[in-house]
Amino acid sequence: MIIPLPPLDEQRRIVARIEELMAQVREARRLRQQAKEDAERLWQSTLAETFPRPGAEPPPGWRWVRLGEVCEVWDTLRKPVKKKVRIPGNVPYCGANGVIDYVDGHTHAGEFVLLAEDGGFYGPGEPTAYIMSGRFWANNHVHILRGRPDHLVNQLLYYCLVAYDLRPFLTGATRPKLTQGAMRSIPIPLPPLDEQRRILAHLEAVQEKIKALKEIQATTDAEFQLLEQAILDRAFRGEL
């Protein structure tokens, strides 16, 4: 292999220049990471401002209710299937933390909020729940909920579950579990339906802004990688 070999003084100058430029890239990466964390904090603060703390006085017109009072629970239709006996298809097979496979057939059809029964993330702001629409197959590691149409909009139920700390409702030491009884007892704030729709519009607008920020940040990260490679390429062509 033949490599270009500049004089030692020139080597030192090139190395110093590379380190200077790479330091600038690292600083830019740090600022990008800070912006990403700021976007996450924006979402956390938005949820905290939207939903009152458990036990606090609710806003006028709101009231505290138990989850089981305003939700339908569709757990009886769940059916776990081991991977080796699943029939491949195009229907999502859902577990505690999202879609884990695609199969033939389904257990549920419609729009539901899926909440981890065990093996999930239950802290405030964590992905405790997710929404599924259309046909899907649910295993026994996830609760299947739907807001009662005259009480609770599904999307607000989802945001509410994500906003709160559900860890106090878990049982079991080795593999914490959110039993159906404990789930039904979870207190949630219930605004009037018109207010629910207004809140949803606000939360979705914030989500769109955060999504746009993340897309920009993802592009920037790819550009950083290209920039680092370009610095090295120029260095070995003697252009620094």
Protein backbone atom coordinates (compact mmCIF):
# COMPACT_ATOMS: atom_id res chain seq x y z
CA MET A 1 0.00 0.00 0.00
CA ILE A 2 1.30 3.45 -0.93
CA ILE A 3 0.37 6.40 1.28
CA PRO A 4 1.25 10.10 0.99
CA LEU A 5 3.98 11.05 3.48
CA PRO A 6 4.43 14.77 4.13
CA PRO A 7 7.35 16.13 6.19
CA LEU A 8 6.98 15.81 9.97
CA ASP A 9 6.26 19.52 10.47
CA GLU A 10 3.52 19.31 7.85
CA GLN A 11 2.13 16.17 9.51
CA ARG A 12 1.89 18.02 12.82
CA ARG A 13 0.16 20.97 11.14
CA ILE A 14 -2.35 18.66 9.42
CA VAL A 15 -3.08 16.78 12.66
CA ALA A 16 -3.61 20.05 14.53
CA ARG A 17 -5.98 21.26 11.80
CA ILE A 18 -7.91 17.97 11.80
CA GLU A 19 -8.28 18.12 15.58
CA GLU A 20 -9.44 21.74 15.39
CA LEU A 21 -12.10 20.94 12.78
CA MET A 22 -13.21 17.76 14.54
CA ALA A 23 -13.58 19.73 17.79
CA GLN A 24 -15.92 22.10 15.97
CA VAL A 25 -17.95 19.15 14.69
CA ARG A 26 -18.13 17.68 18.21
CA GLU A 27 -19.38 21.00 19.56
CA ALA A 28 -22.01 21.14 16.82
CA ARG A 29 -23.07 17.59 17.72
CA ARG A 30 -23.33 18.59 21.38
CA LEU A 31 -25.57 21.50 20.50
CA ARG A 32 -27.71 19.23 18.32
CA GLN A 33 -28.07 16.75 21.20
CA GLN A 34 -29.02 19.60 23.50
CA ALA A 35 -31.69 20.69 21.02
CA LYS A 36 -33.01 17.12 20.94
CA GLU A 37 -33.19 17.03 24.73
CA ASP A 38 -34.91 20.42 24.73
CA ALA A 39 -37.54 19.03 22.35
CA GLU A 40 -38.15 16.10 24.71
CA ARG A 41 -38.41 18.46 27.68
CA LEU A 42 -40.90 20.56 25.73
CA TRP A 43 -43.14 17.50 25.38
CA GLN A 44 -42.73 16.56 29.04
CA SER A 45 -43.62 20.07 30.19
CA THR A 46 -46.59 20.19 27.79
CA LEU A 47 -48.01 17.00 29.30
CA ALA A 48 -47.37 18.24 32.84
CA GLU A 49 -49.14 21.52 32.10
CA THR A 50 -52.08 19.76 30.44
CA PHE A 51 -52.95 17.16 33.07
CA PRO A 52 -53.27 18.01 36.80
CA ARG A 53 -51.13 16.14 39.30
CA PRO A 54 -52.85 13.11 40.86
CA GLY A 55 -54.86 14.25 43.86
CA ALA A 56 -54.74 17.92 42.88
CA GLU A 57 -57.85 20.02 42.44
CA PRO A 58 -58.95 19.57 38.81
CA PRO A 59 -59.71 22.56 36.57
CA PRO A 60 -63.32 23.82 36.53
CA GLY A 61 -65.59 21.35 34.76
CA TRP A 62 -63.12 18.49 35.15
CA ARG A 63 -63.44 15.59 37.60
CA TRP A 64 -61.33 12.69 38.78
CA VAL A 65 -62.56 9.24 37.75
CA ARG A 66 -61.23 5.69 37.84
CA LEU A 67 -60.04 4.28 34.54
CA GLY A 68 -62.53 1.42 34.76
CA GLU A 69 -65.43 3.89 34.96
CA VAL A 70 -64.78 5.48 31.57
CA CYS A 71 -63.10 2.70 29.57
CA GLU A 72 -64.11 -0.56 27.97
CA VAL A 73 -61.60 -3.37 28.58
CA TRP A 74 -61.20 -5.87 25.74
CA ASP A 75 -58.61 -8.18 27.30
CA THR A 76 -60.71 -11.34 26.92
CA LEU A 77 -60.02 -11.41 23.16
CA ARG A 78 -56.24 -11.48 23.57
CA LYS A 79 -54.43 -14.59 22.39
CA PRO A 80 -50.68 -15.18 22.71
CA VAL A 81 -49.08 -17.22 19.93
CA LYS A 82 -45.50 -18.51 20.04
CA LYS A 83 -43.34 -17.27 17.19
CA LYS A 84 -42.75 -20.74 15.74
CA VAL A 85 -46.49 -21.33 15.22
CA ARG A 86 -47.50 -17.88 13.98
CA ILE A 87 -48.79 -17.78 10.42
CA PRO A 88 -47.05 -14.93 8.56
CA GLY A 89 -49.34 -12.20 7.26
CA ASN A 90 -49.82 -8.44 7.18
CA VAL A 91 -51.72 -7.96 10.45
CA PRO A 92 -49.71 -6.37 13.32
CA TYR A 93 -49.00 -8.71 16.24
CA CYS A 94 -48.89 -6.47 19.32
CA GLY A 95 -47.08 -6.83 22.63
CA ALA A 96 -46.32 -4.65 25.62
CA ASN A 97 -44.19 -2.12 23.77
CA GLY A 98 -45.61 -2.12 20.26
CA VAL A 99 -45.81 -4.24 17.12
CA ILE A 100 -43.44 -7.21 17.30
CA ASP A 101 -44.50 -9.24 14.26
CA TYR A 102 -47.00 -9.51 11.40
CA VAL A 103 -49.41 -12.43 11.24
CA ASP A 104 -52.47 -13.79 9.51
CA GLY A 105 -55.76 -13.29 11.37
CA HIS A 106 -56.66 -10.85 14.13
CA THR A 107 -58.06 -10.60 17.65
CA HIS A 108 -59.33 -7.01 17.52
CA ALA A 109 -60.63 -4.57 14.92
CA GLY A 110 -61.15 -0.86 15.48
CA GLU A 111 -59.30 1.87 17.36
CA PHE A 112 -57.95 0.91 20.78
CA VAL A 113 -55.40 2.11 23.31
CA LEU A 114 -52.91 -0.62 24.22
CA LEU A 115 -51.35 -0.41 27.68
CA ALA A 116 -48.45 -2.62 28.77
CA GLU A 117 -49.48 -5.27 31.32
CA ASP A 118 -45.88 -6.30 32.03
CA GLY A 119 -42.48 -5.60 30.54
CA GLY A 120 -43.40 -2.01 29.72
CA PHE A 121 -42.14 1.47 30.61
CA TYR A 122 -44.33 3.05 33.27
CA GLY A 123 -42.64 6.30 34.29
CA PRO A 124 -44.10 9.74 33.48
CA GLY A 125 -43.60 10.61 29.81
CA GLU A 126 -42.47 7.10 28.90
CA PRO A 127 -44.10 5.02 26.12
CA THR A 128 -46.46 3.18 28.47
CA ALA A 129 -49.23 2.99 25.88
CA TYR A 130 -49.83 3.23 22.14
CA ILE A 131 -52.80 3.41 19.77
CA MET A 132 -53.76 0.77 17.22
CA SER A 133 -56.34 1.24 14.48
CA GLY A 134 -57.82 -1.35 12.15
CA ARG A 135 -57.20 -5.07 12.56
CA PHE A 136 -54.48 -6.33 14.90
CA TRP A 137 -53.57 -9.34 17.02
CA ALA A 138 -52.87 -8.74 20.72
CA ASN A 139 -50.91 -11.06 23.00
CA ASN A 140 -51.42 -11.33 26.76
CA HIS A 141 -48.72 -8.81 27.71
CA VAL A 142 -50.83 -5.79 26.82
CA HIS A 143 -54.21 -4.49 28.02
CA ILE A 144 -56.71 -3.44 25.35
CA LEU A 145 -58.72 -0.32 26.20
CA ARG A 146 -61.25 1.90 24.51
CA GLY A 147 -62.73 5.08 25.91
CA ARG A 148 -66.50 5.01 26.32
CA PRO A 149 -67.74 7.21 23.46
CA ASP A 150 -69.89 9.39 25.71
CA HIS A 151 -67.08 9.91 28.24
CA LEU A 152 -63.56 9.74 26.86
CA VAL A 153 -61.80 10.19 23.52
CA ASN A 154 -59.24 7.45 22.84
CA GLN A 155 -56.41 9.82 21.98
CA LEU A 156 -56.83 11.72 25.25
CA LEU A 157 -56.80 8.43 27.15
CA TYR A 158 -53.49 7.60 25.45
CA TYR A 159 -51.89 10.95 26.30
CA CYS A 160 -53.13 10.71 29.87
CA LEU A 161 -51.61 7.26 30.38
CA VAL A 162 -48.31 8.43 28.92
CA ALA A 163 -48.29 11.55 31.10
CA TYR A 164 -48.67 9.87 34.48
CA ASP A 165 -46.40 7.72 36.62
CA LEU A 166 -48.04 4.29 36.71
CA ARG A 167 -45.29 2.58 38.70
CA PRO A 168 -47.21 2.80 42.02
CA PHE A 169 -49.87 0.53 40.49
CA LEU A 170 -47.45 -2.28 39.62
CA THR A 171 -47.14 -5.50 41.61
CA GLY A 172 -44.41 -8.14 41.63
CA ALA A 173 -40.70 -7.79 42.28
CA THR A 174 -38.98 -9.79 39.53
CA ARG A 175 -41.29 -8.79 36.66
CA PRO A 176 -43.56 -5.90 37.68
CA LYS A 177 -47.10 -6.28 36.38
CA LEU A 178 -50.06 -3.96 35.95
CA THR A 179 -52.98 -6.23 36.78
CA GLN A 180 -56.37 -5.52 35.29
CA GLY A 181 -57.75 -4.69 38.73
CA ALA A 182 -54.98 -2.18 39.40
CA MET A 183 -55.39 -0.71 35.93
CA ARG A 184 -59.11 -0.16 36.43
CA SER A 185 -58.37 1.72 39.67
CA ILE A 186 -55.98 4.26 38.09
CA PRO A 187 -57.34 7.79 38.67
CA ILE A 188 -57.44 10.05 35.61
CA PRO A 189 -58.79 13.59 35.12
CA LEU A 190 -61.88 13.78 32.93
CA PRO A 191 -62.66 17.08 31.16
CA PRO A 192 -65.89 17.61 29.16
CA LEU A 193 -65.81 16.14 25.64
CA ASP A 194 -65.52 19.54 23.95
CA GLU A 195 -62.56 20.37 26.18
CA GLN A 196 -61.01 16.99 25.38
CA ARG A 197 -61.07 17.81 21.68
CA ARG A 198 -59.51 21.23 22.29
CA ILE A 199 -56.74 19.64 24.38
CA LEU A 200 -56.11 17.06 21.66
CA ALA A 201 -55.73 19.75 19.01
CA HIS A 202 -53.16 21.51 21.20
CA LEU A 203 -51.19 18.34 21.99
CA GLU A 204 -51.15 17.26 18.35
CA ALA A 205 -49.89 20.70 17.29
CA VAL A 206 -47.02 20.42 19.77
CA GLN A 207 -46.28 16.89 18.54
CA GLU A 208 -46.07 18.14 14.95
CA LYS A 209 -43.54 20.80 15.96
CA ILE A 210 -41.44 18.24 17.82
CA LYS A 211 -41.62 15.84 14.86
CA ALA A 212 -40.38 18.57 12.52
CA LEU A 213 -37.50 19.35 14.90
CA LYS A 214 -36.50 15.68 15.07
CA GLU A 215 -36.54 15.38 11.29
CA ILE A 216 -34.21 18.36 11.02
CA GLN A 217 -31.94 16.89 13.70
CA ALA A 218 -31.80 13.52 11.91
CA THR A 219 -30.73 15.27 8.71
CA THR A 220 -28.11 17.25 10.61
CA ASP A 221 -26.65 14.07 12.12
CA ALA A 222 -26.17 12.57 8.66
CA GLU A 223 -24.52 15.80 7.53
CA PHE A 224 -22.10 15.65 10.47
CA GLN A 225 -20.97 12.19 9.37
CA LEU A 226 -20.38 13.43 5.82
CA LEU A 227 -18.51 16.45 7.16
CA GLU A 228 -16.16 14.31 9.25
CA GLN A 229 -15.40 12.11 6.25
CA ALA A 230 -14.85 15.19 4.06
CA ILE A 231 -12.34 16.58 6.57
CA LEU A 232 -10.34 13.36 6.48
CA ASP A 233 -10.54 13.14 2.68
CA ARG A 234 -9.22 16.69 2.30
CA ALA A 235 -6.47 16.01 4.84
CA PHE A 236 -5.12 13.06 2.86
CA ARG A 237 -5.33 15.00 -0.39
CA GLY A 238 -3.20 17.75 1.13
CA GLU A 239 -6.01 20.32 0.99
CA LEU A 240 -6.15 21.34 4.67
